[in-house]
Amino acid sequence: MLKENTEYKPDSEVENAKPQLRMVDLNLLTVFDAVMQEQNITRAAHSLGMSQPAVSNAVSRLKVMFNDELFVRYGRGIQPTARAYQLFGSVRQHYN
């Protein structure tokens, strides 16, 4: 379901995300990963066995932490911002 983002991202911006990720609660990164995969808060909550308000709360915390909206409403789902795609690459590297 994840759409590929072809927008250019300078290496320095991606590298700057890595130190921030080390300080983030791993549970928040798990929520972020699920939301990126599903691009829908309710489906992400279901896949994680969490309530929709709990996932929304986690996303709100991530938005503050990374000083970015991370996701914008798009129809019945959400669309990740360019910053969310940057972070997603780093999150995936940490999971592997």
N, C-alpha and C. Protein backbone atom coordinates (compact mmCIF):
# COMPACT_ATOMS: atom_id res chain seq x y z
N MET A 1 0.79 -1.20 0.00
CA MET A 1 0.00 0.00 0.00
C MET A 1 0.84 1.27 0.00
N LEU A 2 2.07 1.18 0.44
CA LEU A 2 2.92 2.35 0.55
C LEU A 2 3.31 2.82 -0.84
N LYS A 3 3.03 4.08 -1.12
CA LYS A 3 3.38 4.66 -2.40
C LYS A 3 4.82 5.13 -2.36
N GLU A 4 5.52 4.95 -3.47
CA GLU A 4 6.91 5.38 -3.52
C GLU A 4 6.97 6.88 -3.72
N ASN A 5 7.82 7.52 -2.96
CA ASN A 5 8.02 8.95 -3.08
C ASN A 5 9.29 9.18 -3.89
N THR A 6 9.17 9.90 -4.97
CA THR A 6 10.32 10.12 -5.84
C THR A 6 10.97 11.48 -5.60
N GLU A 7 10.53 12.17 -4.57
CA GLU A 7 11.07 13.49 -4.27
C GLU A 7 12.52 13.38 -3.80
N TYR A 8 13.36 14.31 -4.25
CA TYR A 8 14.78 14.32 -3.88
C TYR A 8 14.95 14.67 -2.41
N LYS A 9 15.82 13.92 -1.75
CA LYS A 9 16.12 14.19 -0.35
C LYS A 9 17.63 14.25 -0.16
N PRO A 10 18.15 15.40 0.18
CA PRO A 10 19.60 15.49 0.40
C PRO A 10 20.06 14.51 1.47
N ASP A 11 21.21 13.90 1.26
CA ASP A 11 21.75 12.94 2.21
C ASP A 11 21.89 13.52 3.60
N SER A 12 22.23 14.80 3.69
CA SER A 12 22.42 15.42 5.00
C SER A 12 21.12 15.43 5.80
N GLU A 13 19.97 15.62 5.14
CA GLU A 13 18.69 15.62 5.85
C GLU A 13 18.37 14.23 6.38
N VAL A 14 18.65 13.21 5.60
CA VAL A 14 18.40 11.84 6.04
C VAL A 14 19.33 11.51 7.20
N GLU A 15 20.58 11.90 7.10
CA GLU A 15 21.53 11.64 8.18
C GLU A 15 21.13 12.35 9.46
N ASN A 16 20.56 13.56 9.34
CA ASN A 16 20.13 14.30 10.52
C ASN A 16 18.98 13.61 11.24
N ALA A 17 18.21 12.80 10.56
CA ALA A 17 17.09 12.10 11.18
C ALA A 17 17.57 10.97 12.08
N LYS A 18 18.71 10.38 11.78
CA LYS A 18 19.19 9.22 12.53
C LYS A 18 19.41 9.50 14.01
N PRO A 19 20.09 10.58 14.41
CA PRO A 19 20.25 10.82 15.85
C PRO A 19 18.91 11.03 16.55
N GLN A 20 17.96 11.68 15.89
CA GLN A 20 16.65 11.89 16.50
C GLN A 20 15.95 10.56 16.75
N LEU A 21 16.08 9.63 15.83
CA LEU A 21 15.41 8.34 15.98
C LEU A 21 15.92 7.57 17.18
N ARG A 22 17.17 7.76 17.52
CA ARG A 22 17.74 7.04 18.67
C ARG A 22 17.11 7.46 19.98
N MET A 23 16.53 8.66 20.00
CA MET A 23 15.95 9.18 21.23
C MET A 23 14.43 8.95 21.30
N VAL A 24 13.84 8.34 20.29
CA VAL A 24 12.39 8.16 20.23
C VAL A 24 12.01 6.83 20.88
N ASP A 25 10.94 6.83 21.61
CA ASP A 25 10.36 5.62 22.20
C ASP A 25 10.11 4.61 21.07
N LEU A 26 10.59 3.39 21.25
CA LEU A 26 10.43 2.37 20.21
C LEU A 26 8.97 2.09 19.90
N ASN A 27 8.10 2.23 20.88
CA ASN A 27 6.67 2.03 20.63
C ASN A 27 6.14 3.06 19.64
N LEU A 28 6.65 4.29 19.72
CA LEU A 28 6.22 5.32 18.77
C LEU A 28 6.70 4.98 17.36
N LEU A 29 7.90 4.43 17.26
CA LEU A 29 8.42 4.06 15.94
C LEU A 29 7.62 2.90 15.35
N THR A 30 7.16 2.00 16.20
CA THR A 30 6.32 0.90 15.73
C THR A 30 5.00 1.44 15.19
N VAL A 31 4.43 2.40 15.89
CA VAL A 31 3.19 3.04 15.42
C VAL A 31 3.46 3.77 14.11
N PHE A 32 4.54 4.52 14.05
CA PHE A 32 4.89 5.25 12.83
C PHE A 32 5.01 4.30 11.64
N ASP A 33 5.69 3.18 11.85
CA ASP A 33 5.87 2.19 10.79
C ASP A 33 4.52 1.67 10.31
N ALA A 34 3.63 1.34 11.23
CA ALA A 34 2.31 0.82 10.85
C ALA A 34 1.49 1.86 10.10
N VAL A 35 1.54 3.10 10.56
CA VAL A 35 0.79 4.17 9.90
C VAL A 35 1.34 4.40 8.49
N MET A 36 2.65 4.36 8.35
CA MET A 36 3.24 4.51 7.01
C MET A 36 2.80 3.36 6.10
N GLN A 37 2.76 2.15 6.62
CA GLN A 37 2.38 1.00 5.81
C GLN A 37 0.90 1.06 5.41
N GLU A 38 0.06 1.39 6.36
CA GLU A 38 -1.40 1.37 6.12
C GLU A 38 -1.93 2.66 5.50
N GLN A 39 -1.26 3.76 5.80
CA GLN A 39 -1.70 5.10 5.39
C GLN A 39 -3.16 5.34 5.81
N ASN A 40 -3.48 4.81 6.99
CA ASN A 40 -4.80 4.96 7.57
C ASN A 40 -4.66 4.68 9.07
N ILE A 41 -5.08 5.62 9.89
CA ILE A 41 -4.91 5.49 11.34
C ILE A 41 -5.70 4.30 11.90
N THR A 42 -6.94 4.15 11.47
CA THR A 42 -7.78 3.06 11.99
C THR A 42 -7.21 1.70 11.62
N ARG A 43 -6.79 1.52 10.38
CA ARG A 43 -6.21 0.23 9.97
C ARG A 43 -4.89 -0.02 10.69
N ALA A 44 -4.10 1.03 10.87
CA ALA A 44 -2.84 0.86 11.60
C ALA A 44 -3.12 0.43 13.04
N ALA A 45 -4.12 1.05 13.66
CA ALA A 45 -4.49 0.69 15.03
C ALA A 45 -4.91 -0.78 15.09
N HIS A 46 -5.71 -1.19 14.14
CA HIS A 46 -6.18 -2.58 14.11
C HIS A 46 -5.00 -3.54 13.95
N SER A 47 -4.08 -3.21 13.05
CA SER A 47 -2.93 -4.10 12.81
C SER A 47 -2.02 -4.20 14.04
N LEU A 48 -2.01 -3.16 14.87
CA LEU A 48 -1.19 -3.15 16.08
C LEU A 48 -1.93 -3.66 17.32
N GLY A 49 -3.23 -3.86 17.18
CA GLY A 49 -4.02 -4.26 18.34
C GLY A 49 -4.19 -3.12 19.33
N MET A 50 -4.24 -1.91 18.80
CA MET A 50 -4.39 -0.71 19.62
C MET A 50 -5.70 -0.02 19.26
N SER A 51 -6.12 0.91 20.10
CA SER A 51 -7.29 1.71 19.76
C SER A 51 -6.89 2.83 18.80
N GLN A 52 -7.86 3.31 18.05
CA GLN A 52 -7.60 4.41 17.11
C GLN A 52 -7.15 5.67 17.86
N PRO A 53 -7.76 6.02 19.01
CA PRO A 53 -7.29 7.20 19.74
C PRO A 53 -5.83 7.05 20.23
N ALA A 54 -5.44 5.84 20.61
CA ALA A 54 -4.06 5.63 21.07
C ALA A 54 -3.07 5.85 19.93
N VAL A 55 -3.41 5.40 18.74
CA VAL A 55 -2.53 5.60 17.58
C VAL A 55 -2.51 7.08 17.20
N SER A 56 -3.66 7.73 17.22
CA SER A 56 -3.70 9.17 16.93
C SER A 56 -2.85 9.95 17.92
N ASN A 57 -2.92 9.57 19.18
CA ASN A 57 -2.11 10.22 20.21
C ASN A 57 -0.62 10.02 19.93
N ALA A 58 -0.24 8.81 19.57
CA ALA A 58 1.16 8.53 19.26
C ALA A 58 1.63 9.36 18.06
N VAL A 59 0.79 9.46 17.04
CA VAL A 59 1.14 10.26 15.86
C VAL A 59 1.28 11.73 16.26
N SER A 60 0.41 12.21 17.12
CA SER A 60 0.52 13.60 17.60
C SER A 60 1.84 13.83 18.32
N ARG A 61 2.26 12.88 19.13
CA ARG A 61 3.55 12.98 19.82
C ARG A 61 4.70 13.01 18.82
N LEU A 62 4.61 12.17 17.80
CA LEU A 62 5.66 12.15 16.77
C LEU A 62 5.72 13.47 16.00
N LYS A 63 4.55 14.05 15.72
CA LYS A 63 4.51 15.33 15.02
C LYS A 63 5.25 16.41 15.80
N VAL A 64 5.04 16.43 17.11
CA VAL A 64 5.72 17.41 17.96
C VAL A 64 7.22 17.11 18.00
N MET A 65 7.54 15.85 18.16
CA MET A 65 8.93 15.43 18.28
C MET A 65 9.76 15.79 17.05
N PHE A 66 9.16 15.60 15.86
CA PHE A 66 9.88 15.85 14.62
C PHE A 66 9.53 17.20 13.99
N ASN A 67 8.70 17.99 14.67
CA ASN A 67 8.35 19.33 14.21
C ASN A 67 7.88 19.30 12.75
N ASP A 68 6.97 18.36 12.47
CA ASP A 68 6.43 18.22 11.11
C ASP A 68 5.04 17.59 11.23
N GLU A 69 4.17 17.88 10.31
CA GLU A 69 2.84 17.28 10.30
C GLU A 69 2.90 15.77 10.09
N LEU A 70 3.92 15.30 9.38
CA LEU A 70 4.15 13.90 9.05
C LEU A 70 3.09 13.29 8.14
N PHE A 71 1.82 13.58 8.40
CA PHE A 71 0.74 13.03 7.58
C PHE A 71 -0.32 14.11 7.36
N VAL A 72 -0.88 14.14 6.16
CA VAL A 72 -1.99 15.05 5.87
C VAL A 72 -3.17 14.21 5.40
N ARG A 73 -4.35 14.67 5.73
CA ARG A 73 -5.55 13.93 5.33
C ARG A 73 -5.65 13.91 3.80
N TYR A 74 -6.04 12.75 3.30
CA TYR A 74 -6.17 12.57 1.86
C TYR A 74 -7.33 11.60 1.63
N GLY A 75 -8.48 12.13 1.26
CA GLY A 75 -9.66 11.27 1.10
C GLY A 75 -10.01 10.62 2.42
N ARG A 76 -10.09 9.29 2.42
CA ARG A 76 -10.42 8.56 3.65
C ARG A 76 -9.16 8.10 4.38
N GLY A 77 -8.01 8.44 3.86
CA GLY A 77 -6.76 8.03 4.49
C GLY A 77 -5.88 9.23 4.77
N ILE A 78 -4.61 8.97 4.81
CA ILE A 78 -3.64 10.03 5.04
C ILE A 78 -2.50 9.87 4.06
N GLN A 79 -1.84 10.97 3.76
CA GLN A 79 -0.70 10.97 2.86
C GLN A 79 0.53 11.43 3.65
N PRO A 80 1.60 10.64 3.66
CA PRO A 80 2.82 11.05 4.36
C PRO A 80 3.44 12.29 3.72
N THR A 81 4.04 13.12 4.55
CA THR A 81 4.77 14.27 4.05
C THR A 81 6.16 13.81 3.59
N ALA A 82 6.89 14.70 2.96
CA ALA A 82 8.26 14.38 2.54
C ALA A 82 9.11 14.00 3.74
N ARG A 83 8.92 14.68 4.86
CA ARG A 83 9.68 14.38 6.08
C ARG A 83 9.34 12.98 6.59
N ALA A 84 8.08 12.58 6.51
CA ALA A 84 7.68 11.24 6.94
C ALA A 84 8.39 10.18 6.10
N TYR A 85 8.49 10.41 4.79
CA TYR A 85 9.20 9.46 3.94
C TYR A 85 10.68 9.37 4.32
N GLN A 86 11.28 10.51 4.64
CA GLN A 86 12.68 10.52 5.09
C GLN A 86 12.84 9.66 6.33
N LEU A 87 11.99 9.92 7.30
CA LEU A 87 12.06 9.19 8.57
C LEU A 87 11.79 7.70 8.37
N PHE A 88 10.87 7.38 7.48
CA PHE A 88 10.52 5.99 7.24
C PHE A 88 11.74 5.19 6.77
N GLY A 89 12.55 5.79 5.90
CA GLY A 89 13.76 5.11 5.45
C GLY A 89 14.69 4.81 6.62
N SER A 90 14.84 5.77 7.51
CA SER A 90 15.69 5.57 8.68
C SER A 90 15.10 4.55 9.64
N VAL A 91 13.78 4.59 9.83
CA VAL A 91 13.12 3.63 10.72
C VAL A 91 13.32 2.22 10.19
N ARG A 92 13.15 2.05 8.89
CA ARG A 92 13.33 0.74 8.28
C ARG A 92 14.76 0.23 8.47
N GLN A 93 15.74 1.12 8.38
CA GLN A 93 17.14 0.72 8.59
C GLN A 93 17.35 0.25 10.03
N HIS A 94 16.72 0.92 10.99
CA HIS A 94 16.86 0.54 12.40
C HIS A 94 16.20 -0.80 12.69
N TYR A 95 15.11 -1.10 11.98
CA TYR A 95 14.42 -2.37 12.19
C TYR A 95 15.20 -3.54 11.62
N ASN A 96 16.00 -3.30 10.60
CA ASN A 96 16.74 -4.40 9.95
C ASN A 96 18.05 -4.68 10.61
